[in-house]
Protein backbone atom coordinates (compact mmCIF):
# COMPACT_ATOMS: atom_id res chain seq x y z
CA MET A 1 0.00 0.00 0.00
CA SER A 2 1.20 3.50 -0.81
CA THR A 3 2.47 5.67 2.02
CA LEU A 4 3.21 9.37 2.25
CA SER A 5 6.14 10.77 4.19
CA SER A 6 6.10 13.97 6.18
CA ASP A 7 8.27 15.59 3.50
CA GLN A 8 5.79 14.60 0.78
CA ILE A 9 2.90 16.04 2.76
CA ALA A 10 4.91 19.21 3.33
CA LYS A 11 5.41 19.52 -0.43
CA ALA A 12 1.66 19.25 -1.01
CA ILE A 13 1.14 22.00 1.57
CA ASP A 14 3.75 24.15 -0.19
CA VAL A 15 1.87 23.74 -3.48
CA THR A 16 -1.31 24.67 -1.61
CA CYS A 17 0.35 27.86 -0.37
CA ASP A 18 1.23 28.81 -3.94
CA THR A 19 -2.37 28.23 -5.05
CA VAL A 20 -3.90 30.25 -2.23
CA ILE A 21 -1.47 33.14 -2.70
CA ALA A 22 -1.90 33.22 -6.49
CA ASN A 23 -5.70 33.27 -6.16
CA GLU A 24 -5.96 35.83 -3.37
CA LYS A 25 -7.85 38.40 -5.44
CA TYR A 26 -9.94 35.83 -7.31
CA PHE A 27 -11.15 34.11 -4.15
CA SER A 28 -11.97 37.50 -2.61
CA ASP A 29 -13.87 38.53 -5.74
CA LEU A 30 -15.93 35.33 -5.52
CA ASP A 31 -16.58 35.98 -1.84
CA GLY A 32 -17.74 39.48 -2.71
CA LEU A 33 -20.65 38.11 -4.76
CA ALA A 34 -22.52 37.16 -1.58
CA GLY A 35 -20.09 37.59 1.33
CA ASP A 36 -17.86 40.38 2.58
CA GLY A 37 -15.15 39.86 -0.03
CA ASP A 38 -12.27 39.01 2.29
CA PHE A 39 -11.97 35.23 1.94
CA GLY A 40 -9.03 35.31 -0.45
CA THR A 41 -7.12 37.90 1.53
CA SER A 42 -7.83 36.20 4.86
CA LEU A 43 -6.61 32.83 3.59
CA ALA A 44 -3.59 34.20 1.70
CA THR A 45 -2.39 36.18 4.71
CA GLY A 46 -1.98 32.99 6.71
CA PHE A 47 -0.65 30.84 3.88
CA LYS A 48 2.05 33.41 3.14
CA VAL A 49 3.27 32.80 6.69
CA ILE A 50 3.07 29.03 6.21
CA LYS A 51 5.04 29.33 2.95
CA LYS A 52 7.72 31.36 4.70
CA GLU A 53 8.01 29.15 7.78
CA LEU A 54 7.52 25.73 6.16
CA PRO A 55 11.22 25.14 5.37
CA GLU A 56 12.07 25.52 9.07
CA ILE A 57 9.14 23.54 10.51
CA ASP A 58 10.16 20.20 12.04
CA LYS A 59 9.11 17.46 9.62
CA SER A 60 10.27 14.47 11.63
CA ALA A 61 6.63 13.57 12.37
CA VAL A 62 3.51 14.26 10.34
CA GLY A 63 1.31 15.16 13.29
CA ALA A 64 3.72 17.68 14.82
CA MET A 65 4.12 19.42 11.47
CA LEU A 66 0.36 19.68 10.92
CA LEU A 67 -0.21 20.94 14.47
CA LYS A 68 2.34 23.70 13.84
CA ILE A 69 0.55 24.65 10.64
CA SER A 70 -2.72 24.63 12.57
CA MET A 71 -1.27 27.18 14.99
CA ILE A 72 -0.19 29.43 12.10
CA CYS A 73 -3.67 29.23 10.57
CA SER A 74 -5.38 30.05 13.84
CA LYS A 75 -3.08 33.03 14.41
CA HIS A 76 -2.70 34.49 10.92
CA VAL A 77 -5.71 33.47 8.80
CA GLY A 78 -8.36 36.12 9.28
CA GLY A 79 -12.13 36.00 9.63
CA SER A 80 -14.01 32.75 10.11
CA SER A 81 -11.48 30.92 7.92
CA GLY A 82 -8.81 30.92 10.64
CA PRO A 83 -10.72 28.75 13.12
CA ILE A 84 -12.04 26.48 10.35
CA TRP A 85 -8.75 25.79 8.57
CA GLY A 86 -6.86 25.78 11.86
CA THR A 87 -9.22 23.18 13.29
CA GLY A 88 -8.92 21.04 10.16
CA PHE A 89 -5.13 20.95 10.35
CA MET A 90 -5.25 20.42 14.13
CA ARG A 91 -7.55 17.40 13.93
CA ALA A 92 -5.54 15.91 11.06
CA GLY A 93 -2.41 16.43 13.14
CA MET A 94 -3.93 14.75 16.17
CA ALA A 95 -4.96 11.78 14.04
CA SER A 96 -1.37 11.38 12.77
CA LYS A 97 0.43 12.06 16.03
CA GLY A 98 3.83 10.38 16.20
CA LEU A 99 3.74 9.02 12.64
CA GLU A 100 6.74 9.53 10.37
CA GLU A 101 4.65 8.50 7.36
CA VAL A 102 0.99 7.72 6.80
CA THR A 103 -0.77 4.95 4.91
CA TYR A 104 -3.68 5.66 2.60
CA GLU A 105 -6.07 4.38 5.27
CA GLN A 106 -4.53 6.73 7.82
CA LEU A 107 -4.71 9.64 5.37
CA THR A 108 -8.41 8.94 4.86
CA GLU A 109 -8.91 8.86 8.63
CA MET A 110 -7.04 12.16 8.96
CA LEU A 111 -9.46 13.83 6.54
CA GLY A 112 -12.39 12.32 8.40
CA SER A 113 -11.06 13.71 11.68
CA ALA A 114 -10.55 17.13 10.09
CA ILE A 115 -14.13 17.13 8.84
CA GLU A 116 -15.48 16.13 12.25
CA GLY A 117 -13.53 18.98 13.84
CA ILE A 118 -14.76 21.55 11.33
CA VAL A 119 -18.36 20.42 11.82
CA ALA A 120 -17.99 20.67 15.59
CA ARG A 121 -16.41 24.11 15.30
CA GLY A 122 -18.80 25.68 12.78
CA GLY A 123 -21.96 23.58 13.06
CA ALA A 124 -22.46 23.27 9.30
CA LYS A 125 -24.66 20.57 7.82
CA ARG A 126 -24.62 19.00 4.40
CA GLY A 127 -26.13 21.42 1.91
CA ASP A 128 -25.34 24.55 3.95
CA LYS A 129 -23.05 25.62 1.09
CA THR A 130 -19.67 25.55 2.80
CA LEU A 131 -16.34 23.95 1.96
CA LEU A 132 -17.64 20.85 3.76
CA ASP A 133 -19.89 20.21 0.77
CA ALA A 134 -16.66 19.51 -1.11
CA LEU A 135 -14.85 17.71 1.72
CA TRP A 136 -17.65 15.21 2.47
CA PRO A 137 -17.81 13.73 -1.06
CA ILE A 138 -14.00 13.76 -1.25
CA HIS A 139 -13.84 11.70 1.94
CA GLU A 140 -16.52 9.33 0.70
CA LYS A 141 -14.67 8.82 -2.59
CA MET A 142 -11.44 8.10 -0.69
CA GLN A 143 -13.25 5.48 1.40
CA GLU A 144 -14.45 3.79 -1.80
CA MET A 145 -10.91 3.47 -3.21
CA ASP A 146 -8.05 1.30 -1.98
CA GLY A 147 -5.26 3.86 -2.48
CA SER A 148 -3.10 1.56 -4.61
CA ASP A 149 -2.88 4.33 -7.24
CA LEU A 150 -2.62 7.73 -5.57
CA GLY A 151 -2.78 9.49 -8.93
CA ALA A 152 -6.15 7.89 -9.62
CA VAL A 153 -7.33 8.92 -6.16
CA LEU A 154 -6.24 12.51 -6.74
CA ALA A 155 -8.05 12.68 -10.09
CA ALA A 156 -11.19 11.21 -8.50
CA VAL A 157 -11.30 13.58 -5.53
CA ALA A 158 -10.54 16.58 -7.76
CA ALA A 159 -13.58 15.61 -9.83
CA GLU A 160 -15.72 15.42 -6.67
CA ALA A 161 -14.70 18.93 -5.62
CA ASP A 162 -15.28 20.17 -9.17
CA LYS A 163 -18.83 18.73 -9.14
CA ALA A 164 -19.53 20.31 -5.75
CA ILE A 165 -19.15 23.80 -7.23
CA ASP A 166 -22.10 23.36 -9.60
CA GLU A 167 -24.12 21.10 -7.31
CA THR A 168 -24.19 23.82 -4.62
CA ARG A 169 -24.35 26.85 -6.90
CA SER A 170 -28.14 27.26 -6.75
CA ALA A 171 -28.31 26.60 -2.99
CA VAL A 172 -28.88 29.30 -0.40
CA ALA A 173 -26.01 29.59 2.10
CA HIS A 174 -26.86 28.75 5.71
CA ARG A 175 -23.44 29.35 7.26
CA GLY A 176 -20.87 32.13 7.06
CA ARG A 177 -21.31 35.74 6.00
CA ALA A 178 -23.12 34.68 2.79
CA SER A 179 -25.98 33.31 4.91
CA GLN A 180 -26.79 36.85 6.01
CA VAL A 181 -27.90 37.87 2.51
CA GLY A 182 -30.41 35.03 2.21
CA GLU A 183 -31.66 34.35 -1.30
CA ARG A 184 -28.96 36.59 -2.79
CA SER A 185 -26.47 33.84 -2.06
CA ALA A 186 -28.25 31.53 -4.52
CA ASN A 187 -26.74 31.18 -8.00
CA THR A 188 -23.29 32.16 -6.75
CA PRO A 189 -20.37 29.79 -6.20
CA ASP A 190 -19.16 29.19 -2.67
CA PRO A 191 -15.58 30.49 -2.45
CA GLY A 192 -14.56 27.81 0.05
CA ILE A 193 -15.68 25.03 -2.28
CA VAL A 194 -13.96 26.74 -5.20
CA GLY A 195 -10.85 27.07 -3.04
CA VAL A 196 -10.75 23.33 -2.27
CA ALA A 197 -11.38 22.46 -5.92
CA THR A 198 -8.68 24.85 -7.13
CA ILE A 199 -6.13 23.41 -4.71
CA LEU A 200 -6.86 19.89 -5.96
CA LYS A 201 -6.71 21.03 -9.59
CA ASP A 202 -3.26 22.50 -8.93
CA TRP A 203 -2.15 19.34 -7.15
CA CYS A 204 -3.12 17.40 -10.28
CA ALA A 205 -1.05 19.76 -12.42
CA HIS A 206 1.93 19.58 -10.07
CA TYR A 207 1.93 15.78 -9.85
CA GLY A 208 1.22 15.18 -13.54
CA VAL A 209 -2.27 13.76 -13.01
CA ASP A 210 -4.72 14.13 -15.90
CA PHE A 211 -7.73 16.15 -14.84
CA VAL A 212 -10.11 18.19 -17.00
CA PRO A 213 -12.17 20.63 -14.90
CA GLN A 214 -15.81 21.22 -15.70
CA ALA A 215 -16.89 24.11 -13.47
CA ALA A 216 -16.39 27.55 -15.03
CA GLU A 217 -14.50 28.75 -11.96
CA LEU A 218 -11.77 26.18 -12.63
CA LYS A 219 -11.50 26.78 -16.37
CA ARG A 220 -10.39 30.39 -16.33
């Protein structure tokens, strides 16, 4: 079974930093359609710090590295995104405590723990139009696969996040700042879902995995 080392996970996080920083304005513009327009800036502010500090973070154990990143998110990512992303990294770190590498099964469990933490922190339910509406189907797809081909897994979960953009587009937001504008949030993409899908699209590009996005927000 495939395993991922702490260094490999760190590289994926570094690619994530590049994606978040490059899309700072775009994610904020999407957030401005129904929210307060600060999602991209809030996220990028923290991920710039992660990008800067990542080379010096101790990578001897997966969990310790993720817990450090959780602390950076909680301190430097603004708005509601800080607690959400910080909690996700924290729970994933707790699930991988003491491990120098993780198996596919452990990676799947880490995502499940992150989702549980985010739900507990924010109280979102399925269909509330949050990034969880991308993370839940990603986790379910991972549970369906055996992880023998990580490239195939990445392509499959990227497709799930891609689908989530359009599947939630017409929904009314029930969590976050977008929920305060009621029906105006319908027929707009959720920036958190787009963010997750964009990160996975860029992972596919970085790792040479074939993936053809369908949602307009990923085709630009």
